Amino acid sequence: MNLTPSARQRRYHPAEFKAQLITLCQQPGASVAGVALAHGVNANLLRRGIRQQAGSMPRSAPPLVPIELAAPVTVPTNDALSLEITTRSARVTIHRPASRVDSCARLLGRWLK
């Protein structure tokens, strides 16, 4: 009896069959190994097919989620500066525009000398 090893040939699977297996793998609860075993293909080759298909598909941008922004809080501005000085015998109140804070500072400096 003469046994000669025959040349091993690769299996050919049509693209539709591969796409069907990849779709089955994407079903909830399905495992790549289980799908491969049920259809008589190598699980590693099936995983490679899944990666190749994912790489050939254009990635879509994540969906934009609308957000609501609160209205900006506006703080009322008071453009007046009020300085009140109280001593034992007198009370002095000075009202000046906030743009003239430098003159109030000089006045207070002289007062405290």
PDB file of N, CA and C in Angstrom:
ATOM      1  N   MET A   1       0.835  -1.158   0.000  1.00  0.00           N
ATOM      2  CA  MET A   1       0.000   0.000   0.000  1.00  0.00           C
ATOM      3  C   MET A   1       0.892   1.237   0.000  1.00  0.00           C
ATOM      4  N   ASN A   2       0.644   2.117  -0.895  1.00  0.00           N
ATOM      5  CA  ASN A   2       1.462   3.303  -1.065  1.00  0.00           C
ATOM      6  C   ASN A   2       0.649   4.527  -0.654  1.00  0.00           C
ATOM      7  N   LEU A   3       1.031   5.131   0.467  1.00  0.00           N
ATOM      8  CA  LEU A   3       0.337   6.333   0.932  1.00  0.00           C
ATOM      9  C   LEU A   3       1.234   7.541   0.684  1.00  0.00           C
ATOM     10  N   THR A   4       0.802   8.385  -0.163  1.00  0.00           N
ATOM     11  CA  THR A   4       1.553   9.617  -0.407  1.00  0.00           C
ATOM     12  C   THR A   4       0.724  10.781   0.125  1.00  0.00           C
ATOM     13  N   PRO A   5       1.381  11.652   0.842  1.00  0.00           N
ATOM     14  CA  PRO A   5       0.611  12.794   1.363  1.00  0.00           C
ATOM     15  C   PRO A   5       0.107  13.657   0.217  1.00  0.00           C
ATOM     16  N   SER A   6      -1.140  13.987   0.274  1.00  0.00           N
ATOM     17  CA  SER A   6      -1.715  14.834  -0.774  1.00  0.00           C
ATOM     18  C   SER A   6      -1.515  16.299  -0.393  1.00  0.00           C
ATOM     19  N   ALA A   7      -1.438  17.102  -1.390  1.00  0.00           N
ATOM     20  CA  ALA A   7      -1.274  18.537  -1.141  1.00  0.00           C
ATOM     21  C   ALA A   7      -2.555  19.067  -0.508  1.00  0.00           C
ATOM     22  N   ARG A   8      -2.386  19.752   0.579  1.00  0.00           N
ATOM     23  CA  ARG A   8      -3.534  20.285   1.299  1.00  0.00           C
ATOM     24  C   ARG A   8      -3.992  21.566   0.609  1.00  0.00           C
ATOM     25  N   GLN A   9      -5.254  21.664   0.350  1.00  0.00           N
ATOM     26  CA  GLN A   9      -5.784  22.843  -0.325  1.00  0.00           C
ATOM     27  C   GLN A   9      -6.546  23.713   0.673  1.00  0.00           C
ATOM     28  N   ARG A  10      -6.468  24.983   0.454  1.00  0.00           N
ATOM     29  CA  ARG A  10      -7.213  25.902   1.304  1.00  0.00           C
ATOM     30  C   ARG A  10      -8.672  25.892   0.890  1.00  0.00           C
ATOM     31  N   ARG A  11      -9.503  26.045   1.891  1.00  0.00           N
ATOM     32  CA  ARG A  11     -10.928  26.151   1.590  1.00  0.00           C
ATOM     33  C   ARG A  11     -11.223  27.550   1.065  1.00  0.00           C
ATOM     34  N   TYR A  12     -12.166  27.597   0.181  1.00  0.00           N
ATOM     35  CA  TYR A  12     -12.605  28.879  -0.346  1.00  0.00           C
ATOM     36  C   TYR A  12     -14.025  29.105   0.132  1.00  0.00           C
ATOM     37  N   HIS A  13     -14.247  30.250   0.753  1.00  0.00           N
ATOM     38  CA  HIS A  13     -15.588  30.610   1.204  1.00  0.00           C
ATOM     39  C   HIS A  13     -15.998  31.878   0.473  1.00  0.00           C
ATOM     40  N   PRO A  14     -17.164  31.857  -0.137  1.00  0.00           N
ATOM     41  CA  PRO A  14     -17.622  33.054  -0.859  1.00  0.00           C
ATOM     42  C   PRO A  14     -17.813  34.240   0.097  1.00  0.00           C
ATOM     43  N   ALA A  15     -17.749  35.436  -0.450  1.00  0.00           N
ATOM     44  CA  ALA A  15     -17.875  36.657   0.351  1.00  0.00           C
ATOM     45  C   ALA A  15     -19.225  36.715   1.063  1.00  0.00           C
ATOM     46  N   GLU A  16     -20.280  36.206   0.423  1.00  0.00           N
ATOM     47  CA  GLU A  16     -21.612  36.225   1.048  1.00  0.00           C
ATOM     48  C   GLU A  16     -21.631  35.351   2.300  1.00  0.00           C
ATOM     49  N   PHE A  17     -20.947  34.202   2.238  1.00  0.00           N
ATOM     50  CA  PHE A  17     -20.878  33.291   3.385  1.00  0.00           C
ATOM     51  C   PHE A  17     -20.121  33.953   4.536  1.00  0.00           C
ATOM     52  N   LYS A  18     -18.997  34.613   4.198  1.00  0.00           N
ATOM     53  CA  LYS A  18     -18.215  35.299   5.230  1.00  0.00           C
ATOM     54  C   LYS A  18     -19.032  36.422   5.868  1.00  0.00           C
ATOM     55  N   ALA A  19     -19.748  37.171   5.042  1.00  0.00           N
ATOM     56  CA  ALA A  19     -20.569  38.269   5.562  1.00  0.00           C
ATOM     57  C   ALA A  19     -21.670  37.737   6.466  1.00  0.00           C
ATOM     58  N   GLN A  20     -22.236  36.581   6.102  1.00  0.00           N
ATOM     59  CA  GLN A  20     -23.285  35.972   6.922  1.00  0.00           C
ATOM     60  C   GLN A  20     -22.717  35.554   8.282  1.00  0.00           C
ATOM     61  N   LEU A  21     -21.521  34.966   8.295  1.00  0.00           N
ATOM     62  CA  LEU A  21     -20.907  34.558   9.562  1.00  0.00           C
ATOM     63  C   LEU A  21     -20.581  35.771  10.436  1.00  0.00           C
ATOM     64  N   ILE A  22     -20.093  36.828   9.823  1.00  0.00           N
ATOM     65  CA  ILE A  22     -19.775  38.043  10.586  1.00  0.00           C
ATOM     66  C   ILE A  22     -21.048  38.632  11.180  1.00  0.00           C
ATOM     67  N   THR A  23     -22.130  38.612  10.424  1.00  0.00           N
ATOM     68  CA  THR A  23     -23.416  39.103  10.939  1.00  0.00           C
ATOM     69  C   THR A  23     -23.882  38.253  12.105  1.00  0.00           C
ATOM     70  N   LEU A  24     -23.707  36.938  12.008  1.00  0.00           N
ATOM     71  CA  LEU A  24     -24.092  36.048  13.110  1.00  0.00           C
ATOM     72  C   LEU A  24     -23.261  36.336  14.360  1.00  0.00           C
ATOM     73  N   CYS A  25     -21.988  36.665  14.178  1.00  0.00           N
ATOM     74  CA  CYS A  25     -21.120  36.965  15.327  1.00  0.00           C
ATOM     75  C   CYS A  25     -21.533  38.246  16.030  1.00  0.00           C
ATOM     76  N   GLN A  26     -22.178  39.150  15.305  1.00  0.00           N
ATOM     77  CA  GLN A  26     -22.560  40.436  15.885  1.00  0.00           C
ATOM     78  C   GLN A  26     -23.885  40.377  16.631  1.00  0.00           C
ATOM     79  N   GLN A  27     -24.552  39.233  16.593  1.00  0.00           N
ATOM     80  CA  GLN A  27     -25.822  39.092  17.303  1.00  0.00           C
ATOM     81  C   GLN A  27     -25.569  39.041  18.805  1.00  0.00           C
ATOM     82  N   PRO A  28     -26.505  39.568  19.602  1.00  0.00           N
ATOM     83  CA  PRO A  28     -26.336  39.515  21.063  1.00  0.00           C
ATOM     84  C   PRO A  28     -26.221  38.076  21.557  1.00  0.00           C
ATOM     85  N   GLY A  29     -25.248  37.827  22.397  1.00  0.00           N
ATOM     86  CA  GLY A  29     -25.052  36.505  22.986  1.00  0.00           C
ATOM     87  C   GLY A  29     -24.270  35.531  22.130  1.00  0.00           C
ATOM     88  N   ALA A  30     -23.917  35.925  20.902  1.00  0.00           N
ATOM     89  CA  ALA A  30     -23.174  35.020  20.020  1.00  0.00           C
ATOM     90  C   ALA A  30     -21.681  35.136  20.302  1.00  0.00           C
ATOM     91  N   SER A  31     -20.981  34.008  20.179  1.00  0.00           N
ATOM     92  CA  SER A  31     -19.528  34.029  20.330  1.00  0.00           C
ATOM     93  C   SER A  31     -18.904  33.659  18.992  1.00  0.00           C
ATOM     94  N   VAL A  32     -17.753  34.235  18.739  1.00  0.00           N
ATOM     95  CA  VAL A  32     -17.055  33.960  17.483  1.00  0.00           C
ATOM     96  C   VAL A  32     -16.696  32.483  17.414  1.00  0.00           C
ATOM     97  N   ALA A  33     -16.224  31.935  18.522  1.00  0.00           N
ATOM     98  CA  ALA A  33     -15.843  30.518  18.534  1.00  0.00           C
ATOM     99  C   ALA A  33     -17.051  29.627  18.269  1.00  0.00           C
ATOM    100  N   GLY A  34     -18.197  29.961  18.854  1.00  0.00           N
ATOM    101  CA  GLY A  34     -19.399  29.154  18.655  1.00  0.00           C
ATOM    102  C   GLY A  34     -19.885  29.190  17.217  1.00  0.00           C
ATOM    103  N   VAL A  35     -19.887  30.374  16.611  1.00  0.00           N
ATOM    104  CA  VAL A  35     -20.318  30.508  15.215  1.00  0.00           C
ATOM    105  C   VAL A  35     -19.344  29.770  14.304  1.00  0.00           C
ATOM    106  N   ALA A  36     -18.047  29.915  14.565  1.00  0.00           N
ATOM    107  CA  ALA A  36     -17.045  29.241  13.734  1.00  0.00           C
ATOM    108  C   ALA A  36     -17.188  27.731  13.826  1.00  0.00           C
ATOM    109  N   LEU A  37     -17.359  27.218  15.023  1.00  0.00           N
ATOM    110  CA  LEU A  37     -17.497  25.774  15.219  1.00  0.00           C
ATOM    111  C   LEU A  37     -18.750  25.244  14.532  1.00  0.00           C
ATOM    112  N   ALA A  38     -19.848  25.985  14.631  1.00  0.00           N
ATOM    113  CA  ALA A  38     -21.110  25.546  14.026  1.00  0.00           C
ATOM    114  C   ALA A  38     -21.038  25.514  12.501  1.00  0.00           C
ATOM    115  N   HIS A  39     -20.174  26.330  11.910  1.00  0.00           N
ATOM    116  CA  HIS A  39     -20.100  26.390  10.452  1.00  0.00           C
ATOM    117  C   HIS A  39     -18.823  25.781   9.883  1.00  0.00           C
ATOM    118  N   GLY A  40     -18.015  25.167  10.741  1.00  0.00           N
ATOM    119  CA  GLY A  40     -16.842  24.443  10.268  1.00  0.00           C
ATOM    120  C   GLY A  40     -15.712  25.317   9.766  1.00  0.00           C
ATOM    121  N   VAL A  41     -15.558  26.493  10.349  1.00  0.00           N
ATOM    122  CA  VAL A  41     -14.444  27.355   9.957  1.00  0.00           C
ATOM    123  C   VAL A  41     -13.562  27.613  11.174  1.00  0.00           C
ATOM    124  N   ASN A  42     -12.361  28.065  10.924  1.00  0.00           N
ATOM    125  CA  ASN A  42     -11.419  28.358  11.992  1.00  0.00           C
ATOM    126  C   ASN A  42     -11.803  29.688  12.645  1.00  0.00           C
ATOM    127  N   ALA A  43     -11.888  29.693  13.980  1.00  0.00           N
ATOM    128  CA  ALA A  43     -12.299  30.896  14.708  1.00  0.00           C
ATOM    129  C   ALA A  43     -11.322  32.052  14.492  1.00  0.00           C
ATOM    130  N   ASN A  44     -10.030  31.743  14.391  1.00  0.00           N
ATOM    131  CA  ASN A  44      -9.046  32.809  14.172  1.00  0.00           C
ATOM    132  C   ASN A  44      -9.231  33.476  12.812  1.00  0.00           C
ATOM    133  N   LEU A  45      -9.574  32.674  11.806  1.00  0.00           N
ATOM    134  CA  LEU A  45      -9.818  33.252  10.485  1.00  0.00           C
ATOM    135  C   LEU A  45     -11.086  34.098  10.488  1.00  0.00           C
ATOM    136  N   LEU A  46     -12.085  33.651  11.253  1.00  0.00           N
ATOM    137  CA  LEU A  46     -13.318  34.426  11.356  1.00  0.00           C
ATOM    138  C   LEU A  46     -13.045  35.759  12.062  1.00  0.00           C
ATOM    139  N   ARG A  47     -12.238  35.730  13.115  1.00  0.00           N
ATOM    140  CA  ARG A  47     -11.877  36.981  13.812  1.00  0.00           C
ATOM    141  C   ARG A  47     -11.125  37.931  12.872  1.00  0.00           C
ATOM    142  N   ARG A  48     -10.242  37.371  12.054  1.00  0.00           N
ATOM    143  CA  ARG A  48      -9.514  38.189  11.092  1.00  0.00           C
ATOM    144  C   ARG A  48     -10.492  38.833  10.104  1.00  0.00           C
ATOM    145  N   GLY A  49     -11.469  38.063   9.657  1.00  0.00           N
ATOM    146  CA  GLY A  49     -12.478  38.615   8.741  1.00  0.00           C
ATOM    147  C   GLY A  49     -13.271  39.745   9.383  1.00  0.00           C
ATOM    148  N   ILE A  50     -13.574  39.589  10.678  1.00  0.00           N
ATOM    149  CA  ILE A  50     -14.305  40.648  11.393  1.00  0.00           C
ATOM    150  C   ILE A  50     -13.451  41.914  11.462  1.00  0.00           C
ATOM    151  N   ARG A  51     -12.156  41.766  11.781  1.00  0.00           N
ATOM    152  CA  ARG A  51     -11.259  42.928  11.850  1.00  0.00           C
ATOM    153  C   ARG A  51     -11.118  43.595  10.483  1.00  0.00           C
ATOM    154  N   GLN A  52     -11.010  42.777   9.433  1.00  0.00           N
ATOM    155  CA  GLN A  52     -10.857  43.338   8.092  1.00  0.00           C
ATOM    156  C   GLN A  52     -12.107  44.103   7.680  1.00  0.00           C
ATOM    157  N   GLN A  53     -13.265  43.559   8.014  1.00  0.00           N
ATOM    158  CA  GLN A  53     -14.504  44.246   7.661  1.00  0.00           C
ATOM    159  C   GLN A  53     -14.627  45.550   8.450  1.00  0.00           C
ATOM    160  N   ALA A  54     -14.253  45.518   9.720  1.00  0.00           N
ATOM    161  CA  ALA A  54     -14.329  46.734  10.535  1.00  0.00           C
ATOM    162  C   ALA A  54     -13.356  47.786  10.019  1.00  0.00           C
ATOM    163  N   GLY A  55     -12.194  47.359   9.531  1.00  0.00           N
ATOM    164  CA  GLY A  55     -11.212  48.303   9.009  1.00  0.00           C
ATOM    165  C   GLY A  55     -11.611  48.888   7.672  1.00  0.00           C
ATOM    166  N   SER A  56     -12.419  48.171   6.892  1.00  0.00           N
ATOM    167  CA  SER A  56     -12.814  48.664   5.578  1.00  0.00           C
ATOM    168  C   SER A  56     -14.024  49.578   5.647  1.00  0.00           C
ATOM    169  N   MET A  57     -14.744  49.532   6.761  1.00  0.00           N
ATOM    170  CA  MET A  57     -15.929  50.375   6.901  1.00  0.00           C
ATOM    171  C   MET A  57     -15.509  51.747   7.412  1.00  0.00           C
ATOM    172  N   PRO A  58     -16.053  52.804   6.819  1.00  0.00           N
ATOM    173  CA  PRO A  58     -15.710  54.138   7.317  1.00  0.00           C
ATOM    174  C   PRO A  58     -16.301  54.338   8.712  1.00  0.00           C
ATOM    175  N   ARG A  59     -15.505  54.933   9.553  1.00  0.00           N
ATOM    176  CA  ARG A  59     -15.984  55.196  10.909  1.00  0.00           C
ATOM    177  C   ARG A  59     -16.900  56.406  10.880  1.00  0.00           C
ATOM    178  N   SER A  60     -18.030  56.256  11.498  1.00  0.00           N
ATOM    179  CA  SER A  60     -18.943  57.384  11.559  1.00  0.00           C
ATOM    180  C   SER A  60     -18.645  58.192  12.814  1.00  0.00           C
ATOM    181  N   ALA A  61     -18.900  59.447  12.711  1.00  0.00           N
ATOM    182  CA  ALA A  61     -18.679  60.322  13.867  1.00  0.00           C
ATOM    183  C   ALA A  61     -19.712  59.986  14.933  1.00  0.00           C
ATOM    184  N   PRO A  62     -19.347  60.111  16.186  1.00  0.00           N
ATOM    185  CA  PRO A  62     -20.322  59.837  17.234  1.00  0.00           C
ATOM    186  C   PRO A  62     -21.477  60.824  17.128  1.00  0.00           C
ATOM    187  N   PRO A  63     -22.663  60.385  17.477  1.00  0.00           N
ATOM    188  CA  PRO A  63     -23.810  61.293  17.354  1.00  0.00           C
ATOM    189  C   PRO A  63     -23.666  62.473  18.310  1.00  0.00           C
ATOM    190  N   LEU A  64     -24.117  63.601  17.837  1.00  0.00           N
ATOM    191  CA  LEU A  64     -24.057  64.795  18.670  1.00  0.00           C
ATOM    192  C   LEU A  64     -25.235  64.785  19.634  1.00  0.00           C
ATOM    193  N   VAL A  65     -24.957  65.112  20.846  1.00  0.00           N
ATOM    194  CA  VAL A  65     -25.988  65.134  21.875  1.00  0.00           C
ATOM    195  C   VAL A  65     -26.298  66.587  22.193  1.00  0.00           C
ATOM    196  N   PRO A  66     -27.564  66.980  22.085  1.00  0.00           N
ATOM    197  CA  PRO A  66     -27.875  68.375  22.396  1.00  0.00           C
ATOM    198  C   PRO A  66     -27.710  68.643  23.884  1.00  0.00           C
ATOM    199  N   ILE A  67     -27.181  69.787  24.178  1.00  0.00           N
ATOM    200  CA  ILE A  67     -27.048  70.183  25.577  1.00  0.00           C
ATOM    201  C   ILE A  67     -27.772  71.509  25.768  1.00  0.00           C
ATOM    202  N   GLU A  68     -28.237  71.706  26.959  1.00  0.00           N
ATOM    203  CA  GLU A  68     -28.907  72.959  27.266  1.00  0.00           C
ATOM    204  C   GLU A  68     -27.994  73.786  28.152  1.00  0.00           C
ATOM    205  N   LEU A  69     -27.767  74.996  27.728  1.00  0.00           N
ATOM    206  CA  LEU A  69     -26.938  75.899  28.503  1.00  0.00           C
ATOM    207  C   LEU A  69     -27.842  76.830  29.294  1.00  0.00           C
ATOM    208  N   ALA A  70     -27.508  77.006  30.536  1.00  0.00           N
ATOM    209  CA  ALA A  70     -28.272  77.930  31.359  1.00  0.00           C
ATOM    210  C   ALA A  70     -27.966  79.354  30.915  1.00  0.00           C
ATOM    211  N   ALA A  71     -28.948  80.202  31.084  1.00  0.00           N
ATOM    212  CA  ALA A  71     -28.746  81.602  30.739  1.00  0.00           C
ATOM    213  C   ALA A  71     -27.640  82.172  31.622  1.00  0.00           C
ATOM    214  N   PRO A  72     -26.780  82.972  31.052  1.00  0.00           N
ATOM    215  CA  PRO A  72     -25.701  83.524  31.868  1.00  0.00           C
ATOM    216  C   PRO A  72     -26.262  84.392  32.993  1.00  0.00           C
ATOM    217  N   VAL A  73     -25.652  84.245  34.130  1.00  0.00           N
ATOM    218  CA  VAL A  73     -26.088  85.015  35.292  1.00  0.00           C
ATOM    219  C   VAL A  73     -25.501  86.412  35.174  1.00  0.00           C
ATOM    220  N   THR A  74     -26.375  87.378  35.188  1.00  0.00           N
ATOM    221  CA  THR A  74     -25.900  88.753  35.119  1.00  0.00           C
ATOM    222  C   THR A  74     -25.948  89.357  36.510  1.00  0.00           C
ATOM    223  N   VAL A  75     -24.842  89.875  36.896  1.00  0.00           N
ATOM    224  CA  VAL A  75     -24.743  90.524  38.201  1.00  0.00           C
ATOM    225  C   VAL A  75     -24.900  92.018  37.968  1.00  0.00           C
ATOM    226  N   PRO A  76     -25.852  92.616  38.647  1.00  0.00           N
ATOM    227  CA  PRO A  76     -26.006  94.059  38.440  1.00  0.00           C
ATOM    228  C   PRO A  76     -24.742  94.786  38.899  1.00  0.00           C
ATOM    229  N   THR A  77     -24.306  95.665  38.068  1.00  0.00           N
ATOM    230  CA  THR A  77     -23.088  96.397  38.403  1.00  0.00           C
ATOM    231  C   THR A  77     -23.456  97.747  38.997  1.00  0.00           C
ATOM    232  N   ASN A  78     -22.729  98.079  39.996  1.00  0.00           N
ATOM    233  CA  ASN A  78     -22.914  99.368  40.633  1.00  0.00           C
ATOM    234  C   ASN A  78     -21.667 100.177  40.319  1.00  0.00           C
ATOM    235  N   ASP A  79     -21.846 101.220  39.549  1.00  0.00           N
ATOM    236  CA  ASP A  79     -20.698 102.017  39.128  1.00  0.00           C
ATOM    237  C   ASP A  79     -20.294 103.060  40.163  1.00  0.00           C
ATOM    238  N   ALA A  80     -20.938 103.021  41.305  1.00  0.00           N
ATOM    239  CA  ALA A  80     -20.623 104.013  42.336  1.00  0.00           C
ATOM    240  C   ALA A  80     -19.795 103.373  43.440  1.00  0.00           C
ATOM    241  N   LEU A  81     -18.914 104.167  43.994  1.00  0.00           N
ATOM    242  CA  LEU A  81     -18.082 103.736  45.103  1.00  0.00           C
ATOM    243  C   LEU A  81     -18.512 104.549  46.317  1.00  0.00           C
ATOM    244  N   SER A  82     -18.769 103.847  47.390  1.00  0.00           N
ATOM    245  CA  SER A  82     -19.209 104.532  48.603  1.00  0.00           C
ATOM    246  C   SER A  82     -18.200 104.252  49.704  1.00  0.00           C
ATOM    247  N   LEU A  83     -17.707 105.297  50.322  1.00  0.00           N
ATOM    248  CA  LEU A  83     -16.723 105.187  51.392  1.00  0.00           C
ATOM    249  C   LEU A  83     -17.283 105.909  52.616  1.00  0.00           C
ATOM    250  N   GLU A  84     -17.424 105.169  53.698  1.00  0.00           N
ATOM    251  CA  GLU A  84     -17.964 105.762  54.920  1.00  0.00           C
ATOM    252  C   GLU A  84     -16.912 105.675  56.015  1.00  0.00           C
ATOM    253  N   ILE A  85     -16.610 106.824  56.628  1.00  0.00           N
ATOM    254  CA  ILE A  85     -15.617 106.897  57.696  1.00  0.00           C
ATOM    255  C   ILE A  85     -16.330 107.431  58.935  1.00  0.00           C
ATOM    256  N   THR A  86     -16.221 106.687  60.021  1.00  0.00           N
ATOM    257  CA  THR A  86     -16.867 107.092  61.269  1.00  0.00           C
ATOM    258  C   THR A  86     -15.806 107.260  62.346  1.00  0.00           C
ATOM    259  N   THR A  87     -15.840 108.398  63.001  1.00  0.00           N
ATOM    260  CA  THR A  87     -14.967 108.642  64.156  1.00  0.00           C
ATOM    261  C   THR A  87     -15.861 108.882  65.368  1.00  0.00           C
ATOM    262  N   ARG A  88     -15.254 109.223  66.509  1.00  0.00           N
ATOM    263  CA  ARG A  88     -16.056 109.469  67.711  1.00  0.00           C
ATOM    264  C   ARG A  88     -17.006 110.647  67.529  1.00  0.00           C
ATOM    265  N   SER A  89     -16.560 111.627  66.810  1.00  0.00           N
ATOM    266  CA  SER A  89     -17.367 112.841  66.729  1.00  0.00           C
ATOM    267  C   SER A  89     -17.989 113.098  65.356  1.00  0.00           C
ATOM    268  N   ALA A  90     -17.617 112.306  64.350  1.00  0.00           N
ATOM    269  CA  ALA A  90     -18.139 112.604  63.011  1.00  0.00           C
ATOM    270  C   ALA A  90     -18.306 111.330  62.176  1.00  0.00           C
ATOM    271  N   ARG A  91     -19.190 111.468  61.211  1.00  0.00           N
ATOM    272  CA  ARG A  91     -19.381 110.399  60.216  1.00  0.00           C
ATOM    273  C   ARG A  91     -19.327 111.073  58.849  1.00  0.00           C
ATOM    274  N   VAL A  92     -18.404 110.582  57.995  1.00  0.00           N
ATOM    275  CA  VAL A  92     -18.236 111.150  56.661  1.00  0.00           C
ATOM    276  C   VAL A  92     -18.512 110.050  55.644  1.00  0.00           C
ATOM    277  N   THR A  93     -19.374 110.335  54.679  1.00  0.00           N
ATOM    278  CA  THR A  93     -19.670 109.394  53.600  1.00  0.00           C
ATOM    279  C   THR A  93     -19.300 110.064  52.286  1.00  0.00           C
ATOM    280  N   ILE A  94     -18.518 109.361  51.483  1.00  0.00           N
ATOM    281  CA  ILE A  94     -18.076 109.891  50.195  1.00  0.00           C
ATOM    282  C   ILE A  94     -18.604 108.965  49.102  1.00  0.00           C
ATOM    283  N   HIS A  95     -19.276 109.550  48.128  1.00  0.00           N
ATOM    284  CA  HIS A  95     -19.781 108.803  46.968  1.00  0.00           C
ATOM    285  C   HIS A  95     -19.006 109.282  45.745  1.00  0.00           C
ATOM    286  N   ARG A  96     -18.377 108.354  45.066  1.00  0.00           N
ATOM    287  CA  ARG A  96     -17.590 108.672  43.879  1.00  0.00           C
ATOM    288  C   ARG A  96     -17.880 107.624  42.812  1.00  0.00           C
ATOM    289  N   PRO A  97     -17.700 107.964  41.551  1.00  0.00           N
ATOM    290  CA  PRO A  97     -17.806 106.946  40.508  1.00  0.00           C
ATOM    291  C   PRO A  97     -16.670 105.933  40.655  1.00  0.00           C
ATOM    292  N   ALA A  98     -16.945 104.690  40.300  1.00  0.00           N
ATOM    293  CA  ALA A  98     -15.931 103.640  40.442  1.00  0.00           C
ATOM    294  C   ALA A  98     -14.708 103.929  39.581  1.00  0.00           C
ATOM    295  N   SER A  99     -14.889 104.674  38.529  1.00  0.00           N
ATOM    296  CA  SER A  99     -13.741 105.011  37.682  1.00  0.00           C
ATOM    297  C   SER A  99     -12.769 105.951  38.390  1.00  0.00           C
ATOM    298  N   ARG A 100     -13.192 106.575  39.485  1.00  0.00           N
ATOM    299  CA  ARG A 100     -12.342 107.510  40.219  1.00  0.00           C
ATOM    300  C   ARG A 100     -11.857 106.916  41.530  1.00  0.00           C
ATOM    301  N   VAL A 101     -11.654 105.609  41.583  1.00  0.00           N
ATOM    302  CA  VAL A 101     -11.212 104.942  42.802  1.00  0.00           C
ATOM    303  C   VAL A 101      -9.843 105.460  43.250  1.00  0.00           C
ATOM    304  N   ASP A 102      -9.030 105.902  42.320  1.00  0.00           N
ATOM    305  CA  ASP A 102      -7.704 106.410  42.687  1.00  0.00           C
ATOM    306  C   ASP A 102      -7.795 107.671  43.548  1.00  0.00           C
ATOM    307  N   SER A 103      -8.750 108.550  43.245  1.00  0.00           N
ATOM    308  CA  SER A 103      -8.887 109.761  44.065  1.00  0.00           C
ATOM    309  C   SER A 103      -9.384 109.422  45.467  1.00  0.00           C
ATOM    310  N   CYS A 104     -10.251 108.390  45.584  1.00  0.00           N
ATOM    311  CA  CYS A 104     -10.706 107.953  46.916  1.00  0.00           C
ATOM    312  C   CYS A 104      -9.541 107.376  47.706  1.00  0.00           C
ATOM    313  N   ALA A 105      -8.678 106.665  47.056  1.00  0.00           N
ATOM    314  CA  ALA A 105      -7.534 106.069  47.744  1.00  0.00           C
ATOM    315  C   ALA A 105      -6.598 107.160  48.257  1.00  0.00           C
ATOM    316  N   ARG A 106      -6.372 108.188  47.445  1.00  0.00           N
ATOM    317  CA  ARG A 106      -5.512 109.293  47.892  1.00  0.00           C
ATOM    318  C   ARG A 106      -6.141 110.034  49.069  1.00  0.00           C
ATOM    319  N   LEU A 107      -7.451 110.256  48.994  1.00  0.00           N
ATOM    320  CA  LEU A 107      -8.148 110.944  50.078  1.00  0.00           C
ATOM    321  C   LEU A 107      -8.072 110.144  51.367  1.00  0.00           C
ATOM    322  N   LEU A 108      -8.292 108.838  51.265  1.00  0.00           N
ATOM    323  CA  LEU A 108      -8.235 107.980  52.447  1.00  0.00           C
ATOM    324  C   LEU A 108      -6.816 107.949  53.013  1.00  0.00           C
ATOM    325  N   GLY A 109      -5.825 107.932  52.153  1.00  0.00           N
ATOM    326  CA  GLY A 109      -4.432 107.946  52.600  1.00  0.00           C
ATOM    327  C   GLY A 109      -4.099 109.211  53.376  1.00  0.00           C
ATOM    328  N   ARG A 110      -4.587 110.350  52.875  1.00  0.00           N
ATOM    329  CA  ARG A 110      -4.345 111.613  53.570  1.00  0.00           C
ATOM    330  C   ARG A 110      -5.094 111.655  54.900  1.00  0.00           C
ATOM    331  N   TRP A 111      -6.294 111.142  54.906  1.00  0.00           N
ATOM    332  CA  TRP A 111      -7.133 111.159  56.107  1.00  0.00           C
ATOM    333  C   TRP A 111      -6.491 110.341  57.229  1.00  0.00           C
ATOM    334  N   LEU A 112      -5.883 109.201  56.869  1.00  0.00           N
ATOM    335  CA  LEU A 112      -5.331 108.301  57.883  1.00  0.00           C
ATOM    336  C   LEU A 112      -3.946 108.722  58.363  1.00  0.00           C
ATOM    337  N   LYS A 113      -3.315 109.734  57.755  1.00  0.00           N
ATOM    338  CA  LYS A 113      -1.973 110.164  58.177  1.00  0.00           C
ATOM    339  C   LYS A 113      -2.008 110.813  59.514  1.00  0.00           C
TER     340      LYS A 113
END
